[in-house]
Amino acid sequence: MPMMKRFSALVCASWLLGTTPAGAQQVDVEEVMLDNGMTVLLLPRPGDPNVSAGWVAKVGSVYERPGITGVAHLFEHMMFKGTSTIGTINIEQDLQLIAQLDQVKAQMRVEEAALLEAHRLGRIEDPADPSLRTPEHQSLIERFDVLLEEQSELIIKEDFSRLYSGQGASGMNAGTSYDYTIYFVNVPANKLELWFWMESDRLLNPVFREFYSEREVVHEERRLRTDSTPTGKFQEQFDSLFWQSSPYGWPVVGWPSDLEGITREEALSFFGLYYAPNNLTAALVGDFDPAEARELAERYFGRLSRSDQLSPQPRTREVPQLGEKRMTAYAETNPQVSIRYHSVPDGHVDEPPLVMLGQLLNGRTGRLYRALVEEQQVATGASGGQSGMKFEGMFSLGGTAKDGRTPEEVEQALYAEIDRLKTDPVPERELQKVKNQNAAANFRGLRSNYGLMNQLLVREAWRGWETINSDQALYDAVTVDDIMRVANTYFEPENRAVAVYYREESDEPPDPRLAGLDDQERQQVTQIMAMVEQATPEQLGQLAAQIEQMSGQAPEENQDMIATLREIVQEKLAADGGAR
């Protein structure tokens, strides 16, 4: 269900992918290692009749290479296209048509390459102009369209989703990040075998039908997420400016030229490298019998063949930055500034002090809001925090200028707060307060089966699920000297990139529902609003359920955004007559 997958990537990003790891209590997980190398994590929790079930492939966009950027996210879409038994009324004809489509597409690529070469040399302006096609090229396109139409008559649309929802499952979704790709669903406890069969079947017998049309779906998703949002396209360029050599510099959704050119052969090779069972981990959290789950895991996931080839890991690391980088942009947004410093990846010994430093700055009670919004009144909002990915890390600062004030004033005020941390020791009581807030937030993150399942899988993709129990002690051990040390180590002008946004006036009146949100939240909500307009009532109902699930995990400062999302979805549901 591609629409819901897009919601997942947007809605979960702030709270799932970037949250501080939880670990305020002991989480007793049973780890099962299958003979083929696949890991299964079992966490029985009596009470809720549903089981939150999911699995993670330890691959994301940083595992790609130039030329096939976006393939990890494309595969997230393709994994919902069915198997030899799901998604088709005639698998033999289906596979024959797929082979014919590949053959015709290979011939079309020869024609397309000639047009791209002519464009490179300046002989034509638009290689996609239909009037420039040769008769042979046009004939191939017509043949390709005929084959697609024939295949459409065999395909059972949304069959994977239909099978789950028909048995009482809910919230089927997936998401791709820089470091991993995750798939999950809530299933009734008495339908656990259905989950094992369906998930193992799409790994054992996948059929990547609609490959070429799905590339266009992803292209449209890119347009909605990036090109059609006020600052999306600028943030993408800021990413590339900040990361000089690291693969974190290209977008998860991929570059447009790569999306247009990825072949099925390249995609299948990528799948073979990274979707082997010894690169996967599954997790179950809820009311189930662990003995039954172990047996089902052996029966179904045990069918998958282990790969003898180790999954290639990203090789290129970020080179040290030698001078400040700056970007100036004009967008339909409030004047603002975004600052990034290169820092450390997840698990680095300096990450706990950087996380605590970020929490000293962030939130309505943090130093940035107090200084920039309440005291100096130069900003309407300000934030900061550490983001440790698997291989790299960054510390971000940002603020939106108040009417009559400038982004430059906000920028200097942000630097002033950082400089204070370099020279003035943080009071012990203030540090202990953020430690307590951190522990409380981590404890809340353990309450939901869904949230806990996601945390286990994300952690497993980084340093291992066990860190859910061990990381809290690292945060509690952070000292005042640690805060001052990391502030002086990482917050130097030559280690930062700065993006300054000025307002580009628009004729469109502001949406009153977005009042009170900061610019990052406003952009996320705007993206989701565009997708909500295209969603079916069933998809809207599932999104509404996901928003409710996540509301218990989100920090207090994100609750206004959740309320806005809830309002938008409910308005659309009411307009459509309610969910089916």
Protein backbone atom coordinates (compact mmCIF):
# COMPACT_ATOMS: atom_id res chain seq x y z
CA MET A 1 0.00 0.00 0.00
CA PRO A 2 2.25 2.76 -1.28
CA MET A 3 0.17 5.64 0.04
CA MET A 4 0.39 4.43 3.61
CA LYS A 5 4.09 3.78 3.26
CA ARG A 6 4.63 7.40 2.38
CA PHE A 7 2.66 8.44 5.46
CA SER A 8 4.93 6.25 7.56
CA ALA A 9 8.12 7.88 6.34
CA LEU A 10 6.72 11.31 7.17
CA VAL A 11 4.81 10.70 10.36
CA CYS A 12 7.36 8.45 12.03
CA ALA A 13 10.46 10.42 11.12
CA SER A 14 10.37 12.87 14.02
CA TRP A 15 9.57 10.42 16.78
CA LEU A 16 10.79 7.02 15.63
CA LEU A 17 13.94 7.62 13.65
CA GLY A 18 15.33 10.54 15.57
CA THR A 19 14.22 9.99 19.16
CA THR A 20 16.56 9.38 22.05
CA PRO A 21 16.86 5.62 22.67
CA ALA A 22 14.68 4.20 25.41
CA GLY A 23 15.97 2.11 28.27
CA ALA A 24 14.57 3.28 31.62
CA GLN A 25 13.74 -0.30 32.62
CA GLN A 26 14.84 -3.81 31.79
CA VAL A 27 13.22 -5.13 28.61
CA ASP A 28 13.37 -8.93 28.66
CA VAL A 29 13.66 -10.05 25.06
CA GLU A 30 14.16 -13.63 23.95
CA GLU A 31 16.50 -13.74 20.98
CA VAL A 32 16.10 -16.67 18.58
CA MET A 33 18.80 -17.26 15.97
CA LEU A 34 17.68 -19.42 13.05
CA ASP A 35 20.09 -21.69 11.21
CA ASN A 36 20.01 -19.37 8.18
CA GLY A 37 21.26 -16.43 10.26
CA MET A 38 17.96 -14.61 10.69
CA THR A 39 17.30 -13.20 14.15
CA VAL A 40 13.82 -13.24 15.73
CA LEU A 41 13.13 -11.16 18.85
CA LEU A 42 10.25 -12.28 21.08
CA LEU A 43 8.72 -10.09 23.80
CA PRO A 44 5.45 -11.50 25.21
CA ARG A 45 3.19 -8.92 26.90
CA PRO A 46 -0.12 -10.17 28.25
CA GLY A 47 -3.21 -8.07 27.77
CA ASP A 48 -3.65 -6.64 24.29
CA PRO A 49 -5.12 -9.28 21.93
CA ASN A 50 -3.07 -7.83 19.07
CA VAL A 51 0.60 -8.47 18.38
CA SER A 52 2.86 -5.79 16.92
CA ALA A 53 4.94 -7.67 14.39
CA GLY A 54 7.67 -6.44 12.08
CA TRP A 55 11.05 -7.01 10.54
CA VAL A 56 13.95 -4.87 9.48
CA ALA A 57 16.36 -5.18 6.58
CA LYS A 58 19.70 -3.67 7.55
CA VAL A 59 19.86 -1.56 4.43
CA GLY A 60 18.92 2.01 3.59
CA SER A 61 19.92 4.71 1.19
CA VAL A 62 23.55 4.95 2.40
CA TYR A 63 24.10 1.42 1.08
CA GLU A 64 23.35 2.59 -2.47
CA ARG A 65 25.79 3.99 -4.99
CA PRO A 66 25.56 6.84 -7.51
CA GLY A 67 23.34 5.73 -10.37
CA ILE A 68 20.91 3.74 -8.25
CA THR A 69 20.06 6.23 -5.50
CA GLY A 70 16.52 5.61 -4.29
CA VAL A 71 16.62 1.85 -4.94
CA ALA A 72 16.29 0.97 -1.21
CA HIS A 73 13.10 3.05 -0.99
CA LEU A 74 11.87 1.68 -4.32
CA PHE A 75 12.25 -1.82 -2.91
CA GLU A 76 10.11 -0.86 0.04
CA HIS A 77 7.34 -0.23 -2.49
CA MET A 78 8.05 -3.38 -4.49
CA MET A 79 7.79 -5.60 -1.40
CA PHE A 80 4.03 -4.91 -1.38
CA LYS A 81 3.51 -6.08 -4.97
CA GLY A 82 2.90 -9.67 -4.00
CA THR A 83 4.37 -13.10 -4.60
CA SER A 84 3.75 -16.04 -6.87
CA THR A 85 0.51 -16.69 -4.94
CA ILE A 86 -0.46 -13.16 -3.86
CA GLY A 87 -1.35 -10.38 -6.27
CA THR A 88 -2.13 -12.26 -9.46
CA ILE A 89 -4.78 -14.48 -11.01
CA ASN A 90 -2.29 -16.27 -13.29
CA ILE A 91 1.35 -16.39 -12.23
CA GLU A 92 2.60 -18.09 -15.42
CA GLN A 93 1.20 -15.41 -17.70
CA ASP A 94 2.27 -12.75 -15.24
CA LEU A 95 5.90 -13.88 -15.32
CA GLN A 96 5.86 -14.14 -19.12
CA LEU A 97 4.62 -10.58 -19.41
CA ILE A 98 7.25 -9.36 -16.93
CA ALA A 99 9.97 -10.94 -19.10
CA GLN A 100 8.53 -9.32 -22.22
CA LEU A 101 8.33 -5.95 -20.50
CA ASP A 102 11.98 -6.23 -19.50
CA GLN A 103 12.97 -7.07 -23.06
CA VAL A 104 11.08 -4.15 -24.57
CA LYS A 105 12.36 -1.80 -21.87
CA ALA A 106 15.95 -2.77 -22.66
CA GLN A 107 15.38 -1.76 -26.29
CA MET A 108 13.74 1.49 -25.18
CA ARG A 109 16.80 2.34 -23.07
CA VAL A 110 18.95 2.30 -26.20
CA GLU A 111 16.68 4.90 -27.77
CA GLU A 112 16.55 6.93 -24.56
CA ALA A 113 20.35 6.89 -24.29
CA ALA A 114 20.64 8.46 -27.74
CA LEU A 115 18.32 11.30 -26.72
CA LEU A 116 20.22 11.87 -23.47
CA GLU A 117 23.49 12.07 -25.39
CA ALA A 118 22.00 14.60 -27.79
CA HIS A 119 20.82 16.63 -24.82
CA ARG A 120 24.25 16.44 -23.19
CA LEU A 121 25.81 17.88 -26.34
CA GLY A 122 23.23 20.68 -26.52
CA ARG A 123 21.61 19.46 -29.72
CA ILE A 124 18.15 19.16 -28.18
CA GLU A 125 16.52 20.92 -25.22
CA ASP A 126 14.28 18.21 -23.79
CA PRO A 127 15.14 14.50 -24.16
CA ALA A 128 11.58 13.66 -23.03
CA ASP A 129 9.98 15.58 -25.93
CA PRO A 130 7.80 13.00 -27.79
CA SER A 131 8.35 14.78 -31.13
CA LEU A 132 12.04 13.84 -31.01
CA ARG A 133 11.46 10.11 -30.81
CA THR A 134 12.32 7.88 -33.73
CA PRO A 135 9.56 5.71 -35.24
CA GLU A 136 11.22 2.68 -33.65
CA HIS A 137 11.20 4.36 -30.25
CA GLN A 138 7.52 5.26 -30.55
CA SER A 139 6.69 1.72 -31.63
CA LEU A 140 8.48 0.30 -28.59
CA ILE A 141 6.56 2.63 -26.27
CA GLU A 142 3.25 1.53 -27.78
CA ARG A 143 4.24 -2.13 -27.43
CA PHE A 144 5.26 -1.52 -23.82
CA ASP A 145 1.90 0.10 -23.03
CA VAL A 146 0.04 -2.85 -24.57
CA LEU A 147 1.98 -5.28 -22.37
CA LEU A 148 1.27 -3.17 -19.28
CA GLU A 149 -2.43 -3.25 -20.08
CA GLU A 150 -2.32 -7.02 -20.47
CA GLN A 151 -0.55 -7.38 -17.16
CA SER A 152 -3.04 -5.10 -15.39
CA GLU A 153 -5.78 -7.62 -16.20
CA LEU A 154 -3.89 -10.28 -14.22
CA ILE A 155 -2.97 -8.18 -11.19
CA ILE A 156 -5.04 -8.14 -8.01
CA LYS A 157 -4.45 -4.62 -6.71
CA GLU A 158 -3.56 -4.17 -3.02
CA ASP A 159 -3.87 -7.92 -2.51
CA PHE A 160 -1.27 -8.00 0.26
CA SER A 161 -3.15 -5.34 2.23
CA ARG A 162 -6.51 -6.98 1.52
CA LEU A 163 -5.40 -10.34 2.94
CA TYR A 164 -4.20 -8.74 6.16
CA SER A 165 -7.17 -6.44 6.73
CA GLY A 166 -9.58 -9.26 5.93
CA GLN A 167 -8.18 -11.17 8.91
CA GLY A 168 -8.37 -8.27 11.34
CA ALA A 169 -4.85 -6.90 10.99
CA SER A 170 -4.28 -3.14 11.00
CA GLY A 171 -1.61 -0.52 10.52
CA MET A 172 0.34 -2.35 7.82
CA ASN A 173 3.14 -0.03 6.89
CA ALA A 174 6.80 0.36 6.05
CA GLY A 175 9.48 3.01 5.98
CA THR A 176 12.93 3.55 4.52
CA SER A 177 15.63 5.56 6.25
CA TYR A 178 19.28 6.22 5.55
CA ASP A 179 20.31 3.13 7.53
CA TYR A 180 17.50 0.57 7.36
CA THR A 181 14.14 -0.44 5.88
CA ILE A 182 11.39 -1.55 8.24
CA TYR A 183 8.06 -3.38 7.68
CA PHE A 184 5.35 -3.79 10.33
CA VAL A 185 1.71 -4.56 11.06
CA ASN A 186 -0.57 -5.27 14.03
CA VAL A 187 -2.11 -8.74 13.84
CA PRO A 188 -4.60 -10.55 16.09
CA ALA A 189 -2.79 -13.05 18.29
CA ASN A 190 -4.73 -15.93 16.72
CA LYS A 191 -3.52 -14.89 13.25
CA LEU A 192 0.19 -15.01 14.04
CA GLU A 193 0.77 -17.87 11.60
CA LEU A 194 -0.72 -15.72 8.84
CA TRP A 195 1.97 -13.10 9.53
CA PHE A 196 4.79 -15.63 9.44
CA TRP A 197 3.51 -17.11 6.17
CA MET A 198 2.91 -13.78 4.40
CA GLU A 199 6.16 -12.15 5.46
CA SER A 200 8.28 -15.20 4.67
CA ASP A 201 6.46 -15.65 1.34
CA ARG A 202 7.29 -12.16 0.13
CA LEU A 203 10.94 -12.82 0.99
CA LEU A 204 11.00 -16.32 -0.50
CA ASN A 205 8.81 -15.87 -3.59
CA PRO A 206 8.67 -12.15 -4.40
CA VAL A 207 7.31 -11.02 -7.75
CA PHE A 208 8.30 -7.45 -8.50
CA ARG A 209 5.40 -6.73 -10.80
CA GLU A 210 4.61 -3.16 -11.87
CA PHE A 211 8.30 -2.29 -11.46
CA TYR A 212 8.37 0.42 -14.13
CA SER A 213 5.08 2.02 -13.17
CA GLU A 214 6.09 1.99 -9.50
CA ARG A 215 9.15 4.03 -10.37
CA GLU A 216 6.71 6.71 -11.49
CA VAL A 217 4.81 6.40 -8.20
CA VAL A 218 8.06 7.02 -6.31
CA HIS A 219 8.83 9.91 -8.62
CA GLU A 220 5.45 11.43 -7.69
CA GLU A 221 6.21 10.82 -4.03
CA ARG A 222 9.43 12.73 -4.46
CA ARG A 223 7.49 15.59 -6.04
CA LEU A 224 5.08 15.70 -3.10
CA ARG A 225 7.75 15.42 -0.42
CA THR A 226 10.41 17.62 -1.90
CA ASP A 227 9.53 19.66 -4.94
CA SER A 228 6.09 20.85 -3.81
CA THR A 229 6.94 21.87 -0.26
CA PRO A 230 8.12 25.36 0.70
CA THR A 231 11.66 24.39 1.72
CA GLY A 232 11.93 20.74 0.69
CA LYS A 233 14.07 21.27 -2.38
CA PHE A 234 16.32 23.67 -0.48
CA GLN A 235 16.78 21.25 2.41
CA GLU A 236 17.78 18.57 -0.07
CA GLN A 237 20.47 20.87 -1.45
CA PHE A 238 21.53 21.78 2.08
CA ASP A 239 22.03 18.06 2.78
CA SER A 240 24.32 17.80 -0.22
CA LEU A 241 26.17 20.93 0.84
CA PHE A 242 26.69 19.65 4.37
CA TRP A 243 27.82 16.14 3.43
CA GLN A 244 30.74 16.44 1.05
CA SER A 245 31.66 12.78 0.56
CA SER A 246 29.29 10.71 2.73
CA PRO A 247 26.33 8.89 1.12
CA TYR A 248 24.10 10.69 3.63
CA GLY A 249 24.33 13.53 1.13
CA TRP A 250 21.83 12.05 -1.32
CA PRO A 251 18.10 11.86 -0.54
CA VAL A 252 16.45 8.64 0.64
CA VAL A 253 13.90 8.97 -2.15
CA GLY A 254 16.72 9.21 -4.71
CA TRP A 255 17.82 11.65 -7.40
CA PRO A 256 15.33 12.11 -10.28
CA SER A 257 17.70 10.86 -12.99
CA ASP A 258 18.40 7.69 -11.00
CA LEU A 259 14.70 7.00 -10.44
CA GLU A 260 14.18 7.23 -14.19
CA GLY A 261 17.07 4.92 -14.97
CA ILE A 262 17.15 2.13 -12.36
CA THR A 263 16.75 -1.23 -14.12
CA ARG A 264 15.06 -4.34 -12.81
CA GLU A 265 18.41 -6.14 -13.02
CA GLU A 266 20.02 -3.56 -10.74
CA ALA A 267 17.11 -3.78 -8.34
CA LEU A 268 17.21 -7.59 -8.19
CA SER A 269 20.93 -7.54 -7.55
CA PHE A 270 20.36 -5.10 -4.67
CA PHE A 271 17.64 -7.36 -3.25
CA GLY A 272 19.92 -10.41 -3.40
CA LEU A 273 22.65 -8.61 -1.49
CA TYR A 274 20.61 -7.08 1.31
CA TYR A 275 17.40 -9.08 1.77
CA ALA A 276 19.05 -12.39 2.66
CA PRO A 277 17.87 -13.78 6.04
CA ASN A 278 21.27 -13.22 7.65
CA ASN A 279 20.74 -9.47 7.10
CA LEU A 280 17.22 -9.45 8.60
CA THR A 281 15.74 -9.29 12.09
CA ALA A 282 12.08 -9.84 13.03
CA ALA A 283 10.35 -8.81 16.26
CA LEU A 284 7.05 -9.68 17.97
CA VAL A 285 5.68 -7.69 20.91
CA GLY A 286 2.30 -8.55 22.43
CA ASP A 287 0.15 -11.33 23.85
CA PHE A 288 1.46 -14.51 22.21
CA ASP A 289 2.93 -17.88 23.14
CA PRO A 290 6.72 -17.72 22.64
CA ALA A 291 6.99 -21.47 22.13
CA GLU A 292 4.47 -21.28 19.28
CA ALA A 293 6.29 -18.26 17.83
CA ARG A 294 9.63 -20.10 17.87
CA GLU A 295 8.08 -23.03 16.03
CA LEU A 296 6.45 -20.78 13.44
CA ALA A 297 9.70 -18.88 12.93
CA GLU A 298 11.56 -22.12 12.21
CA ARG A 299 8.81 -23.38 9.90
CA TYR A 300 8.39 -20.25 7.81
CA PHE A 301 11.43 -17.96 8.10
CA GLY A 302 13.61 -21.06 8.26
CA ARG A 303 12.71 -21.73 4.60
CA LEU A 304 14.81 -18.75 3.48
CA SER A 305 18.28 -19.53 2.16
CA ARG A 306 21.26 -17.94 3.84
CA SER A 307 23.54 -15.86 1.62
CA ASP A 308 27.18 -16.89 1.45
CA GLN A 309 28.08 -13.31 0.49
CA LEU A 310 28.39 -10.67 3.16
CA SER A 311 26.21 -7.62 2.53
CA PRO A 312 28.53 -4.82 1.34
CA GLN A 313 28.81 -1.97 3.83
CA PRO A 314 29.16 1.73 2.97
CA ARG A 315 32.83 2.49 2.41
CA THR A 316 32.97 6.25 1.92
CA ARG A 317 33.15 8.35 5.07
CA GLU A 318 32.79 12.09 5.41
CA VAL A 319 36.05 14.00 5.03
CA PRO A 320 36.90 16.61 7.67
CA GLN A 321 35.39 19.99 6.84
CA LEU A 322 37.96 22.77 6.61
CA GLY A 323 35.82 25.89 6.33
CA GLU A 324 32.31 27.18 7.02
CA LYS A 325 29.71 26.57 4.30
CA ARG A 326 26.74 28.89 3.72
CA MET A 327 23.60 28.76 1.61
CA THR A 328 21.06 31.53 1.01
CA ALA A 329 17.55 30.71 -0.25
CA TYR A 330 14.22 32.44 -0.84
CA ALA A 331 11.15 30.33 -0.08
CA GLU A 332 7.49 30.58 0.89
CA THR A 333 8.36 30.36 4.55
CA ASN A 334 9.09 32.58 7.50
CA PRO A 335 12.66 33.96 7.61
CA GLN A 336 14.78 31.45 9.47
CA VAL A 337 18.22 29.94 9.89
CA SER A 338 19.38 26.33 10.01
CA ILE A 339 22.84 25.45 11.35
CA ARG A 340 24.53 22.07 11.29
CA TYR A 341 27.76 20.87 12.88
CA HIS A 342 29.45 17.58 12.05
CA SER A 343 29.36 15.43 15.18
CA VAL A 344 29.41 11.68 15.90
CA PRO A 345 27.45 8.54 14.90
CA ASP A 346 25.15 6.46 17.07
CA GLY A 347 27.09 4.74 19.85
CA HIS A 348 30.13 7.04 19.82
CA VAL A 349 31.42 7.83 23.31
CA ASP A 350 30.66 11.52 22.77
CA GLU A 351 27.05 10.96 21.73
CA PRO A 352 25.50 10.85 25.24
CA PRO A 353 26.96 14.28 26.18
CA LEU A 354 25.81 15.71 22.84
CA VAL A 355 22.30 14.32 23.36
CA MET A 356 22.14 15.80 26.85
CA LEU A 357 23.46 19.12 25.50
CA GLY A 358 20.71 19.13 22.90
CA GLN A 359 18.10 18.53 25.55
CA LEU A 360 19.46 21.40 27.61
CA LEU A 361 18.79 23.62 24.60
CA ASN A 362 15.54 22.17 23.31
CA GLY A 363 11.88 22.36 24.28
CA ARG A 364 9.71 25.08 25.79
CA THR A 365 11.75 24.97 29.00
CA GLY A 366 15.10 24.75 27.22
CA ARG A 367 17.75 27.43 26.93
CA LEU A 368 17.06 28.35 23.30
CA TYR A 369 13.35 29.05 23.76
CA ARG A 370 13.97 30.92 26.97
CA ALA A 371 16.73 33.11 25.52
CA LEU A 372 15.62 33.69 21.93
CA VAL A 373 11.83 33.69 22.29
CA GLU A 374 11.07 34.89 25.80
CA GLU A 375 14.02 37.12 26.74
CA GLN A 376 15.50 38.54 23.52
CA GLN A 377 12.30 38.15 21.47
CA VAL A 378 14.22 37.66 18.23
CA ALA A 379 12.53 34.35 17.33
CA THR A 380 9.15 32.67 17.42
CA GLY A 381 10.76 29.28 17.88
CA ALA A 382 14.19 27.72 18.27
CA SER A 383 15.49 24.19 18.65
CA GLY A 384 18.63 22.08 18.65
CA GLY A 385 19.73 18.50 19.01
CA GLN A 386 22.04 15.63 18.16
CA SER A 387 21.26 13.19 15.34
CA GLY A 388 23.46 10.11 15.38
CA MET A 389 23.05 7.86 12.37
CA LYS A 390 24.88 4.56 11.93
CA PHE A 391 27.99 5.91 10.22
CA GLU A 392 27.89 9.70 10.71
CA GLY A 393 26.31 12.29 12.95
CA MET A 394 25.32 15.93 13.08
CA PHE A 395 24.15 18.47 15.62
CA SER A 396 21.50 20.88 14.36
CA LEU A 397 20.40 24.31 15.53
CA GLY A 398 17.56 26.35 14.09
CA GLY A 399 15.32 29.29 14.70
CA THR A 400 12.55 31.27 13.01
CA ALA A 401 12.79 35.06 13.08
CA LYS A 402 10.06 37.07 14.74
CA ASP A 403 8.38 39.78 12.64
CA GLY A 404 10.72 42.72 12.41
CA ARG A 405 13.79 40.65 13.25
CA THR A 406 16.21 38.97 10.84
CA PRO A 407 17.61 35.45 10.42
CA GLU A 408 21.07 36.91 11.05
CA GLU A 409 19.97 38.09 14.50
CA VAL A 410 18.61 34.61 15.22
CA GLU A 411 21.87 33.07 14.03
CA GLN A 412 24.01 35.20 16.32
CA ALA A 413 21.70 34.51 19.27
CA LEU A 414 22.09 30.77 18.67
CA TYR A 415 25.88 31.08 18.64
CA ALA A 416 25.75 33.04 21.88
CA GLU A 417 23.96 30.17 23.63
CA ILE A 418 26.51 27.68 22.30
CA ASP A 419 29.38 29.91 23.47
CA ARG A 420 27.87 29.98 26.97
CA LEU A 421 28.10 26.19 27.08
CA LYS A 422 31.78 26.38 26.15
CA THR A 423 32.74 28.65 29.01
CA ASP A 424 30.08 28.47 31.75
CA PRO A 425 29.56 25.14 33.51
CA VAL A 426 25.96 23.94 33.40
CA PRO A 427 24.44 23.92 36.91
CA GLU A 428 24.17 20.37 38.24
CA ARG A 429 20.49 20.86 38.99
CA GLU A 430 19.76 21.90 35.39
CA LEU A 431 21.62 18.89 34.01
CA GLN A 432 19.81 16.54 36.38
CA LYS A 433 16.49 18.00 35.26
CA VAL A 434 17.09 17.08 31.61
CA LYS A 435 18.33 13.65 32.68
CA ASN A 436 15.04 13.12 34.51
CA GLN A 437 13.08 14.33 31.48
CA ASN A 438 15.07 12.00 29.25
CA ALA A 439 14.42 9.01 31.49
CA ALA A 440 10.71 9.81 31.69
CA ALA A 441 10.41 10.14 27.92
CA ASN A 442 12.26 6.85 27.46
CA PHE A 443 9.94 5.13 29.92
CA ARG A 444 6.89 6.41 28.01
CA GLY A 445 8.39 4.99 24.85
CA LEU A 446 8.16 1.48 26.33
CA ARG A 447 4.40 1.56 26.97
CA SER A 448 3.22 0.88 23.43
CA ASN A 449 3.72 -2.56 21.88
CA TYR A 450 3.97 -0.91 18.49
CA GLY A 451 6.55 1.63 19.62
CA LEU A 452 8.60 -0.97 21.47
CA MET A 453 8.63 -3.30 18.45
CA ASN A 454 9.87 -0.44 16.28
CA GLN A 455 12.55 0.51 18.78
CA LEU A 456 13.87 -3.04 18.96
CA LEU A 457 14.16 -3.28 15.19
CA VAL A 458 15.74 0.17 14.71
CA ARG A 459 18.27 -0.52 17.44
CA GLU A 460 19.06 -3.88 15.91
CA ALA A 461 19.86 -2.15 12.62
CA TRP A 462 22.30 0.14 14.43
CA ARG A 463 24.16 -1.39 17.42
CA GLY A 464 21.87 -4.20 18.53
CA TRP A 465 18.56 -4.40 20.37
CA GLU A 466 20.33 -4.84 23.74
CA THR A 467 21.11 -1.12 23.81
CA ILE A 468 17.50 -0.54 24.87
CA ASN A 469 18.64 -1.75 28.30
CA SER A 470 22.16 -0.35 28.41
CA ASP A 471 21.99 3.16 26.93
CA GLN A 472 20.17 4.89 29.77
CA ALA A 473 23.14 4.43 32.08
CA LEU A 474 25.33 6.26 29.55
CA TYR A 475 23.03 9.29 29.61
CA ASP A 476 22.79 9.26 33.39
CA ALA A 477 26.60 9.25 33.62
CA VAL A 478 27.06 12.47 31.61
CA THR A 479 28.86 15.14 33.66
CA VAL A 480 29.05 18.92 33.53
CA ASP A 481 32.64 18.57 32.27
CA ASP A 482 31.43 16.28 29.46
CA ILE A 483 29.00 18.96 28.28
CA MET A 484 31.68 21.62 28.21
CA ARG A 485 34.17 19.30 26.49
CA VAL A 486 31.92 18.35 23.57
CA ALA A 487 30.77 21.95 23.16
CA ASN A 488 34.38 23.01 22.67
CA THR A 489 35.18 20.01 20.46
CA TYR A 490 32.42 20.18 17.85
CA PHE A 491 30.96 23.70 17.78
CA GLU A 492 33.60 25.48 15.71
CA PRO A 493 32.89 27.73 12.68
CA GLU A 494 34.94 25.60 10.27
CA ASN A 495 32.86 22.56 11.26
CA ARG A 496 29.46 24.00 10.39
CA ALA A 497 27.13 24.70 7.48
CA VAL A 498 24.50 27.44 7.61
CA ALA A 499 21.33 27.87 5.56
CA VAL A 500 19.53 31.23 5.73
CA TYR A 501 15.98 31.46 4.40
CA TYR A 502 14.27 34.68 3.40
CA ARG A 503 10.59 34.96 2.64
CA GLU A 504 9.45 34.64 -0.97
CA GLU A 505 5.99 36.13 -0.97
CA SER A 506 3.07 33.98 -2.12
CA ASP A 507 -0.43 34.95 -3.24
CA GLU A 508 -1.86 31.95 -1.35
CA PRO A 509 -3.44 32.82 2.06
CA PRO A 510 -1.89 30.93 5.01
CA ASP A 511 -3.71 27.81 6.23
CA PRO A 512 -5.11 28.64 9.71
CA ARG A 513 -4.64 25.01 10.78
CA LEU A 514 -0.87 25.49 10.58
CA ALA A 515 -0.83 28.47 12.94
CA GLY A 516 1.31 27.78 15.99
CA LEU A 517 3.53 25.17 14.33
CA ASP A 518 7.19 25.81 13.71
CA ASP A 519 8.47 25.70 10.15
CA GLN A 520 9.73 22.12 10.28
CA GLU A 521 6.40 20.90 11.63
CA ARG A 522 4.52 23.06 9.12
CA GLN A 523 6.44 21.49 6.27
CA GLN A 524 5.81 17.94 7.50
CA VAL A 525 2.09 18.63 7.89
CA THR A 526 1.92 20.26 4.45
CA GLN A 527 3.47 17.15 2.90
CA ILE A 528 0.96 14.88 4.59
CA MET A 529 -1.94 17.14 3.62
CA ALA A 530 -1.08 16.65 -0.06
CA MET A 531 -1.09 12.88 0.41
CA VAL A 532 -4.29 12.88 2.46
CA GLU A 533 -6.10 14.36 -0.53
CA GLN A 534 -5.27 11.24 -2.57
CA ALA A 535 -5.91 8.65 0.14
CA THR A 536 -8.84 6.23 0.23
CA PRO A 537 -11.10 6.19 3.33
CA GLU A 538 -9.50 2.89 4.40
CA GLN A 539 -6.02 4.40 4.19
CA LEU A 540 -7.20 7.46 6.09
CA GLY A 541 -8.60 5.26 8.83
CA GLN A 542 -5.29 3.46 9.15
CA LEU A 543 -3.41 6.74 9.26
CA ALA A 544 -5.73 8.01 11.99
CA ALA A 545 -4.98 4.88 14.02
CA GLN A 546 -1.24 5.38 13.56
CA ILE A 547 -1.44 8.99 14.70
CA GLU A 548 -3.23 7.87 17.87
CA GLN A 549 -0.60 5.20 18.48
CA MET A 550 2.22 7.68 18.13
CA SER A 551 0.62 10.39 20.22
CA GLY A 552 1.62 8.53 23.37
CA GLN A 553 5.27 8.42 22.28
CA ALA A 554 5.74 11.96 20.98
CA PRO A 555 7.33 14.57 23.25
CA GLU A 556 5.17 17.38 24.56
CA GLU A 557 6.50 19.91 22.04
CA ASN A 558 5.17 17.76 19.15
CA GLN A 559 1.62 17.43 20.50
CA ASP A 560 0.39 20.52 18.61
CA MET A 561 1.56 18.90 15.38
CA ILE A 562 -0.23 15.65 16.27
CA ALA A 563 -3.43 17.55 17.01
CA THR A 564 -3.19 19.29 13.62
CA LEU A 565 -2.64 15.99 11.81
CA ARG A 566 -5.58 14.46 13.67
CA GLU A 567 -7.80 17.39 12.64
CA ILE A 568 -6.76 17.18 8.97
CA VAL A 569 -7.39 13.44 8.74
CA GLN A 570 -10.73 13.65 10.56
CA GLU A 571 -11.90 16.48 8.25
CA LYS A 572 -11.06 14.39 5.20
CA LEU A 573 -12.75 11.31 6.67
CA ALA A 574 -15.89 13.33 7.34
CA ALA A 575 -15.84 14.74 3.80
CA ASP A 576 -15.49 11.23 2.36
CA GLY A 577 -18.26 9.83 4.53
CA GLY A 578 -16.05 8.01 7.04
CA ALA A 579 -13.72 5.04 6.74
CA ARG A 580 -14.94 1.72 5.41
